Amino acid sequence: MIKQLTSIILCFVLTACGSDTNDTTPTDITSNKPPTNTPLPSSPKPLPDMSFDQSFIDDVSEFVKLAHAVQYFYP
């Protein structure tokens, strides 16, 4: 009896969570035009100059170790 009552209450709660009370209607239904996108730049910006010294390489290696540890525990 308790299982049936719990499942009925759960069904009502999950059904109520899916309802939408906002009245959102599209402004222009008849227009089937795709949205306008910004064009790509005609000339890309050059990459900044970077110096790859030992401290930078050590920082990158420590970050990679941390990233792999996080990926191992949270795939």
PDB file of N, CA and C in Angstrom:
ATOM      1  N   MET A   1       0.824  -1.184   0.000  1.00  0.00           N
ATOM      2  CA  MET A   1       0.000   0.000   0.000  1.00  0.00           C
ATOM      3  C   MET A   1       0.876   1.259   0.000  1.00  0.00           C
ATOM      4  N   ILE A   2       1.907   1.252   0.814  1.00  0.00           N
ATOM      5  CA  ILE A   2       2.806   2.410   0.894  1.00  0.00           C
ATOM      6  C   ILE A   2       3.543   2.588  -0.436  1.00  0.00           C
ATOM      7  N   LYS A   3       3.966   1.478  -1.054  1.00  0.00           N
ATOM      8  CA  LYS A   3       4.670   1.569  -2.332  1.00  0.00           C
ATOM      9  C   LYS A   3       3.768   2.145  -3.418  1.00  0.00           C
ATOM     10  N   GLN A   4       2.508   1.734  -3.429  1.00  0.00           N
ATOM     11  CA  GLN A   4       1.571   2.244  -4.429  1.00  0.00           C
ATOM     12  C   GLN A   4       1.311   3.733  -4.226  1.00  0.00           C
ATOM     13  N   LEU A   5       1.131   4.143  -2.978  1.00  0.00           N
ATOM     14  CA  LEU A   5       0.893   5.547  -2.674  1.00  0.00           C
ATOM     15  C   LEU A   5       2.115   6.396  -3.025  1.00  0.00           C
ATOM     16  N   THR A   6       3.283   5.881  -2.724  1.00  0.00           N
ATOM     17  CA  THR A   6       4.510   6.598  -3.055  1.00  0.00           C
ATOM     18  C   THR A   6       4.686   6.731  -4.562  1.00  0.00           C
ATOM     19  N   SER A   7       4.403   5.671  -5.308  1.00  0.00           N
ATOM     20  CA  SER A   7       4.558   5.745  -6.763  1.00  0.00           C
ATOM     21  C   SER A   7       3.534   6.687  -7.375  1.00  0.00           C
ATOM     22  N   ILE A   8       2.315   6.742  -6.851  1.00  0.00           N
ATOM     23  CA  ILE A   8       1.309   7.673  -7.366  1.00  0.00           C
ATOM     24  C   ILE A   8       1.731   9.118  -7.101  1.00  0.00           C
ATOM     25  N   ILE A   9       2.193   9.398  -5.891  1.00  0.00           N
ATOM     26  CA  ILE A   9       2.656  10.747  -5.556  1.00  0.00           C
ATOM     27  C   ILE A   9       3.845  11.129  -6.421  1.00  0.00           C
ATOM     28  N   LEU A  10       4.762  10.201  -6.631  1.00  0.00           N
ATOM     29  CA  LEU A  10       5.928  10.469  -7.468  1.00  0.00           C
ATOM     30  C   LEU A  10       5.512  10.772  -8.906  1.00  0.00           C
ATOM     31  N   CYS A  11       4.543  10.035  -9.421  1.00  0.00           N
ATOM     32  CA  CYS A  11       4.051  10.300 -10.782  1.00  0.00           C
ATOM     33  C   CYS A  11       3.444  11.683 -10.890  1.00  0.00           C
ATOM     34  N   PHE A  12       2.650  12.088  -9.889  1.00  0.00           N
ATOM     35  CA  PHE A  12       2.052  13.423  -9.916  1.00  0.00           C
ATOM     36  C   PHE A  12       3.115  14.518  -9.828  1.00  0.00           C
ATOM     37  N   VAL A  13       4.118  14.311  -8.992  1.00  0.00           N
ATOM     38  CA  VAL A  13       5.177  15.313  -8.858  1.00  0.00           C
ATOM     39  C   VAL A  13       5.975  15.434 -10.155  1.00  0.00           C
ATOM     40  N   LEU A  14       6.315  14.310 -10.760  1.00  0.00           N
ATOM     41  CA  LEU A  14       7.080  14.364 -11.999  1.00  0.00           C
ATOM     42  C   LEU A  14       6.259  14.936 -13.149  1.00  0.00           C
ATOM     43  N   THR A  15       4.974  14.691 -13.155  1.00  0.00           N
ATOM     44  CA  THR A  15       4.114  15.259 -14.186  1.00  0.00           C
ATOM     45  C   THR A  15       4.002  16.766 -14.002  1.00  0.00           C
ATOM     46  N   ALA A  16       3.913  17.223 -12.777  1.00  0.00           N
ATOM     47  CA  ALA A  16       3.805  18.655 -12.509  1.00  0.00           C
ATOM     48  C   ALA A  16       5.106  19.372 -12.849  1.00  0.00           C
ATOM     49  N   CYS A  17       6.242  18.705 -12.724  1.00  0.00           N
ATOM     50  CA  CYS A  17       7.521  19.342 -13.042  1.00  0.00           C
ATOM     51  C   CYS A  17       7.666  19.599 -14.534  1.00  0.00           C
ATOM     52  N   GLY A  18       6.957  18.857 -15.361  1.00  0.00           N
ATOM     53  CA  GLY A  18       7.094  19.021 -16.794  1.00  0.00           C
ATOM     54  C   GLY A  18       6.190  20.079 -17.384  1.00  0.00           C
ATOM     55  N   SER A  19       5.301  20.667 -16.591  1.00  0.00           N
ATOM     56  CA  SER A  19       4.368  21.647 -17.148  1.00  0.00           C
ATOM     57  C   SER A  19       5.068  22.980 -17.348  1.00  0.00           C
ATOM     58  N   ASP A  20       4.581  23.719 -18.351  1.00  0.00           N
ATOM     59  CA  ASP A  20       5.159  25.019 -18.681  1.00  0.00           C
ATOM     60  C   ASP A  20       4.069  26.062 -18.535  1.00  0.00           C
ATOM     61  N   THR A  21       4.261  27.022 -17.645  1.00  0.00           N
ATOM     62  CA  THR A  21       3.251  28.047 -17.427  1.00  0.00           C
ATOM     63  C   THR A  21       3.555  29.323 -18.188  1.00  0.00           C
ATOM     64  N   ASN A  22       4.725  29.450 -18.768  1.00  0.00           N
ATOM     65  CA  ASN A  22       5.078  30.649 -19.526  1.00  0.00           C
ATOM     66  C   ASN A  22       4.413  30.616 -20.891  1.00  0.00           C
ATOM     67  N   ASP A  23       3.873  31.746 -21.295  1.00  0.00           N
ATOM     68  CA  ASP A  23       3.266  31.852 -22.614  1.00  0.00           C
ATOM     69  C   ASP A  23       4.290  32.457 -23.559  1.00  0.00           C
ATOM     70  N   THR A  24       5.166  31.607 -24.105  1.00  0.00           N
ATOM     71  CA  THR A  24       6.194  32.094 -25.021  1.00  0.00           C
ATOM     72  C   THR A  24       5.823  31.672 -26.426  1.00  0.00           C
ATOM     73  N   THR A  25       5.464  32.638 -27.229  1.00  0.00           N
ATOM     74  CA  THR A  25       5.139  32.369 -28.620  1.00  0.00           C
ATOM     75  C   THR A  25       6.156  33.066 -29.489  1.00  0.00           C
ATOM     76  N   PRO A  26       6.568  32.459 -30.588  1.00  0.00           N
ATOM     77  CA  PRO A  26       7.522  33.122 -31.471  1.00  0.00           C
ATOM     78  C   PRO A  26       6.906  34.381 -32.058  1.00  0.00           C
ATOM     79  N   THR A  27       7.746  35.371 -32.289  1.00  0.00           N
ATOM     80  CA  THR A  27       7.239  36.648 -32.772  1.00  0.00           C
ATOM     81  C   THR A  27       6.863  36.586 -34.242  1.00  0.00           C
ATOM     82  N   ASP A  28       7.609  35.851 -35.043  1.00  0.00           N
ATOM     83  CA  ASP A  28       7.323  35.795 -36.471  1.00  0.00           C
ATOM     84  C   ASP A  28       7.328  34.343 -36.919  1.00  0.00           C
ATOM     85  N   ILE A  29       6.161  33.742 -37.014  1.00  0.00           N
ATOM     86  CA  ILE A  29       6.056  32.333 -37.369  1.00  0.00           C
ATOM     87  C   ILE A  29       6.193  32.136 -38.884  1.00  0.00           C
ATOM     88  N   THR A  30       5.771  33.101 -39.682  1.00  0.00           N
ATOM     89  CA  THR A  30       5.745  32.924 -41.130  1.00  0.00           C
ATOM     90  C   THR A  30       7.124  33.011 -41.758  1.00  0.00           C
ATOM     91  N   SER A  31       8.077  33.624 -41.099  1.00  0.00           N
ATOM     92  CA  SER A  31       9.413  33.780 -41.671  1.00  0.00           C
ATOM     93  C   SER A  31      10.243  32.524 -41.439  1.00  0.00           C
ATOM     94  N   ASN A  32      10.755  31.933 -42.507  1.00  0.00           N
ATOM     95  CA  ASN A  32      11.586  30.740 -42.402  1.00  0.00           C
ATOM     96  C   ASN A  32      13.041  31.044 -42.700  1.00  0.00           C
ATOM     97  N   LYS A  33      13.461  32.279 -42.502  1.00  0.00           N
ATOM     98  CA  LYS A  33      14.842  32.662 -42.773  1.00  0.00           C
ATOM     99  C   LYS A  33      15.752  32.182 -41.639  1.00  0.00           C
ATOM    100  N   PRO A  34      16.936  31.713 -41.978  1.00  0.00           N
ATOM    101  CA  PRO A  34      17.881  31.351 -40.915  1.00  0.00           C
ATOM    102  C   PRO A  34      18.411  32.612 -40.246  1.00  0.00           C
ATOM    103  N   PRO A  35      18.877  32.510 -39.019  1.00  0.00           N
ATOM    104  CA  PRO A  35      19.411  33.695 -38.344  1.00  0.00           C
ATOM    105  C   PRO A  35      20.679  34.174 -39.029  1.00  0.00           C
ATOM    106  N   THR A  36      20.879  35.471 -39.011  1.00  0.00           N
ATOM    107  CA  THR A  36      22.076  36.032 -39.640  1.00  0.00           C
ATOM    108  C   THR A  36      23.264  35.831 -38.709  1.00  0.00           C
ATOM    109  N   ASN A  37      24.344  35.392 -39.273  1.00  0.00           N
ATOM    110  CA  ASN A  37      25.575  35.174 -38.522  1.00  0.00           C
ATOM    111  C   ASN A  37      26.566  36.267 -38.859  1.00  0.00           C
ATOM    112  N   THR A  38      27.430  36.542 -37.935  1.00  0.00           N
ATOM    113  CA  THR A  38      28.459  37.533 -38.212  1.00  0.00           C
ATOM    114  C   THR A  38      29.494  36.905 -39.136  1.00  0.00           C
ATOM    115  N   PRO A  39      29.969  37.632 -40.112  1.00  0.00           N
ATOM    116  CA  PRO A  39      30.963  37.062 -41.033  1.00  0.00           C
ATOM    117  C   PRO A  39      32.315  36.871 -40.351  1.00  0.00           C
ATOM    118  N   LEU A  40      33.101  35.992 -40.914  1.00  0.00           N
ATOM    119  CA  LEU A  40      34.448  35.766 -40.398  1.00  0.00           C
ATOM    120  C   LEU A  40      35.323  36.968 -40.721  1.00  0.00           C
ATOM    121  N   PRO A  41      36.320  37.237 -39.906  1.00  0.00           N
ATOM    122  CA  PRO A  41      37.192  38.376 -40.207  1.00  0.00           C
ATOM    123  C   PRO A  41      37.982  38.113 -41.482  1.00  0.00           C
ATOM    124  N   SER A  42      38.243  39.177 -42.216  1.00  0.00           N
ATOM    125  CA  SER A  42      38.947  39.021 -43.483  1.00  0.00           C
ATOM    126  C   SER A  42      40.417  38.656 -43.265  1.00  0.00           C
ATOM    127  N   SER A  43      41.000  39.180 -42.203  1.00  0.00           N
ATOM    128  CA  SER A  43      42.385  38.820 -41.911  1.00  0.00           C
ATOM    129  C   SER A  43      42.487  38.442 -40.440  1.00  0.00           C
ATOM    130  N   PRO A  44      42.871  37.207 -40.145  1.00  0.00           N
ATOM    131  CA  PRO A  44      42.967  36.784 -38.745  1.00  0.00           C
ATOM    132  C   PRO A  44      44.120  37.482 -38.030  1.00  0.00           C
ATOM    133  N   LYS A  45      43.963  37.617 -36.733  1.00  0.00           N
ATOM    134  CA  LYS A  45      44.991  38.269 -35.927  1.00  0.00           C
ATOM    135  C   LYS A  45      46.140  37.289 -35.701  1.00  0.00           C
ATOM    136  N   PRO A  46      47.370  37.765 -35.700  1.00  0.00           N
ATOM    137  CA  PRO A  46      48.500  36.857 -35.454  1.00  0.00           C
ATOM    138  C   PRO A  46      48.539  36.416 -33.987  1.00  0.00           C
ATOM    139  N   LEU A  47      49.118  35.262 -33.760  1.00  0.00           N
ATOM    140  CA  LEU A  47      49.262  34.758 -32.404  1.00  0.00           C
ATOM    141  C   LEU A  47      50.262  35.599 -31.632  1.00  0.00           C
ATOM    142  N   PRO A  48      50.059  35.756 -30.340  1.00  0.00           N
ATOM    143  CA  PRO A  48      51.027  36.534 -29.554  1.00  0.00           C
ATOM    144  C   PRO A  48      52.337  35.765 -29.408  1.00  0.00           C
ATOM    145  N   ASP A  49      53.409  36.503 -29.218  1.00  0.00           N
ATOM    146  CA  ASP A  49      54.716  35.886 -29.001  1.00  0.00           C
ATOM    147  C   ASP A  49      54.762  35.293 -27.599  1.00  0.00           C
ATOM    148  N   MET A  50      55.209  34.044 -27.500  1.00  0.00           N
ATOM    149  CA  MET A  50      55.322  33.380 -26.213  1.00  0.00           C
ATOM    150  C   MET A  50      56.722  32.830 -26.052  1.00  0.00           C
ATOM    151  N   SER A  51      57.200  32.896 -24.831  1.00  0.00           N
ATOM    152  CA  SER A  51      58.511  32.326 -24.551  1.00  0.00           C
ATOM    153  C   SER A  51      58.298  31.025 -23.778  1.00  0.00           C
ATOM    154  N   PHE A  52      58.857  29.953 -24.275  1.00  0.00           N
ATOM    155  CA  PHE A  52      58.706  28.641 -23.653  1.00  0.00           C
ATOM    156  C   PHE A  52      59.919  28.356 -22.771  1.00  0.00           C
ATOM    157  N   ASP A  53      59.912  28.954 -21.589  1.00  0.00           N
ATOM    158  CA  ASP A  53      60.997  28.687 -20.666  1.00  0.00           C
ATOM    159  C   ASP A  53      60.644  27.490 -19.783  1.00  0.00           C
ATOM    160  N   GLN A  54      61.540  27.095 -18.937  1.00  0.00           N
ATOM    161  CA  GLN A  54      61.374  25.878 -18.140  1.00  0.00           C
ATOM    162  C   GLN A  54      60.207  26.001 -17.156  1.00  0.00           C
ATOM    163  N   SER A  55      59.980  27.170 -16.593  1.00  0.00           N
ATOM    164  CA  SER A  55      58.880  27.314 -15.632  1.00  0.00           C
ATOM    165  C   SER A  55      57.522  27.148 -16.328  1.00  0.00           C
ATOM    166  N   PHE A  56      57.425  27.629 -17.555  1.00  0.00           N
ATOM    167  CA  PHE A  56      56.188  27.459 -18.317  1.00  0.00           C
ATOM    168  C   PHE A  56      55.936  25.981 -18.603  1.00  0.00           C
ATOM    169  N   ILE A  57      56.970  25.270 -19.000  1.00  0.00           N
ATOM    170  CA  ILE A  57      56.837  23.846 -19.305  1.00  0.00           C
ATOM    171  C   ILE A  57      56.488  23.063 -18.036  1.00  0.00           C
ATOM    172  N   ASP A  58      57.066  23.449 -16.893  1.00  0.00           N
ATOM    173  CA  ASP A  58      56.725  22.795 -15.624  1.00  0.00           C
ATOM    174  C   ASP A  58      55.263  23.038 -15.255  1.00  0.00           C
ATOM    175  N   ASP A  59      54.782  24.257 -15.466  1.00  0.00           N
ATOM    176  CA  ASP A  59      53.382  24.566 -15.178  1.00  0.00           C
ATOM    177  C   ASP A  59      52.446  23.751 -16.068  1.00  0.00           C
ATOM    178  N   VAL A  60      52.793  23.622 -17.328  1.00  0.00           N
ATOM    179  CA  VAL A  60      51.964  22.847 -18.249  1.00  0.00           C
ATOM    180  C   VAL A  60      51.951  21.377 -17.858  1.00  0.00           C
ATOM    181  N   SER A  61      53.085  20.842 -17.479  1.00  0.00           N
ATOM    182  CA  SER A  61      53.127  19.430 -17.096  1.00  0.00           C
ATOM    183  C   SER A  61      52.326  19.176 -15.821  1.00  0.00           C
ATOM    184  N   GLU A  62      52.362  20.099 -14.866  1.00  0.00           N
ATOM    185  CA  GLU A  62      51.557  19.942 -13.653  1.00  0.00           C
ATOM    186  C   GLU A  62      50.065  20.030 -13.973  1.00  0.00           C
ATOM    187  N   PHE A  63      49.703  20.924 -14.885  1.00  0.00           N
ATOM    188  CA  PHE A  63      48.299  21.026 -15.284  1.00  0.00           C
ATOM    189  C   PHE A  63      47.829  19.748 -15.966  1.00  0.00           C
ATOM    190  N   VAL A  64      48.670  19.167 -16.816  1.00  0.00           N
ATOM    191  CA  VAL A  64      48.296  17.940 -17.511  1.00  0.00           C
ATOM    192  C   VAL A  64      48.119  16.798 -16.510  1.00  0.00           C
ATOM    193  N   LYS A  65      48.982  16.729 -15.494  1.00  0.00           N
ATOM    194  CA  LYS A  65      48.828  15.703 -14.462  1.00  0.00           C
ATOM    195  C   LYS A  65      47.502  15.875 -13.724  1.00  0.00           C
ATOM    196  N   LEU A  66      47.163  17.117 -13.392  1.00  0.00           N
ATOM    197  CA  LEU A  66      45.909  17.390 -12.703  1.00  0.00           C
ATOM    198  C   LEU A  66      44.708  17.054 -13.587  1.00  0.00           C
ATOM    199  N   ALA A  67      44.793  17.414 -14.859  1.00  0.00           N
ATOM    200  CA  ALA A  67      43.681  17.148 -15.778  1.00  0.00           C
ATOM    201  C   ALA A  67      43.459  15.646 -15.938  1.00  0.00           C
ATOM    202  N   HIS A  68      44.513  14.878 -16.017  1.00  0.00           N
ATOM    203  CA  HIS A  68      44.358  13.428 -16.149  1.00  0.00           C
ATOM    204  C   HIS A  68      43.816  12.811 -14.868  1.00  0.00           C
ATOM    205  N   ALA A  69      44.186  13.350 -13.702  1.00  0.00           N
ATOM    206  CA  ALA A  69      43.656  12.834 -12.445  1.00  0.00           C
ATOM    207  C   ALA A  69      42.154  13.118 -12.348  1.00  0.00           C
ATOM    208  N   VAL A  70      41.736  14.309 -12.754  1.00  0.00           N
ATOM    209  CA  VAL A  70      40.312  14.645 -12.728  1.00  0.00           C
ATOM    210  C   VAL A  70      39.561  13.785 -13.723  1.00  0.00           C
ATOM    211  N   GLN A  71      40.121  13.573 -14.899  1.00  0.00           N
ATOM    212  CA  GLN A  71      39.469  12.749 -15.926  1.00  0.00           C
ATOM    213  C   GLN A  71      39.352  11.309 -15.457  1.00  0.00           C
ATOM    214  N   TYR A  72      40.321  10.829 -14.694  1.00  0.00           N
ATOM    215  CA  TYR A  72      40.263   9.458 -14.192  1.00  0.00           C
ATOM    216  C   TYR A  72      39.105   9.279 -13.224  1.00  0.00           C
ATOM    217  N   PHE A  73      38.926  10.247 -12.321  1.00  0.00           N
ATOM    218  CA  PHE A  73      37.878  10.104 -11.321  1.00  0.00           C
ATOM    219  C   PHE A  73      36.507  10.552 -11.825  1.00  0.00           C
ATOM    220  N   TYR A  74      36.460  11.444 -12.790  1.00  0.00           N
ATOM    221  CA  TYR A  74      35.192  11.937 -13.361  1.00  0.00           C
ATOM    222  C   TYR A  74      35.237  11.817 -14.866  1.00  0.00           C
ATOM    223  N   PRO A  75      35.009  10.617 -15.407  1.00  0.00           N
ATOM    224  CA  PRO A  75      35.153  10.444 -16.856  1.00  0.00           C
ATOM    225  C   PRO A  75      34.092  11.129 -17.643  1.00  0.00           C
TER     226      PRO A  75
END
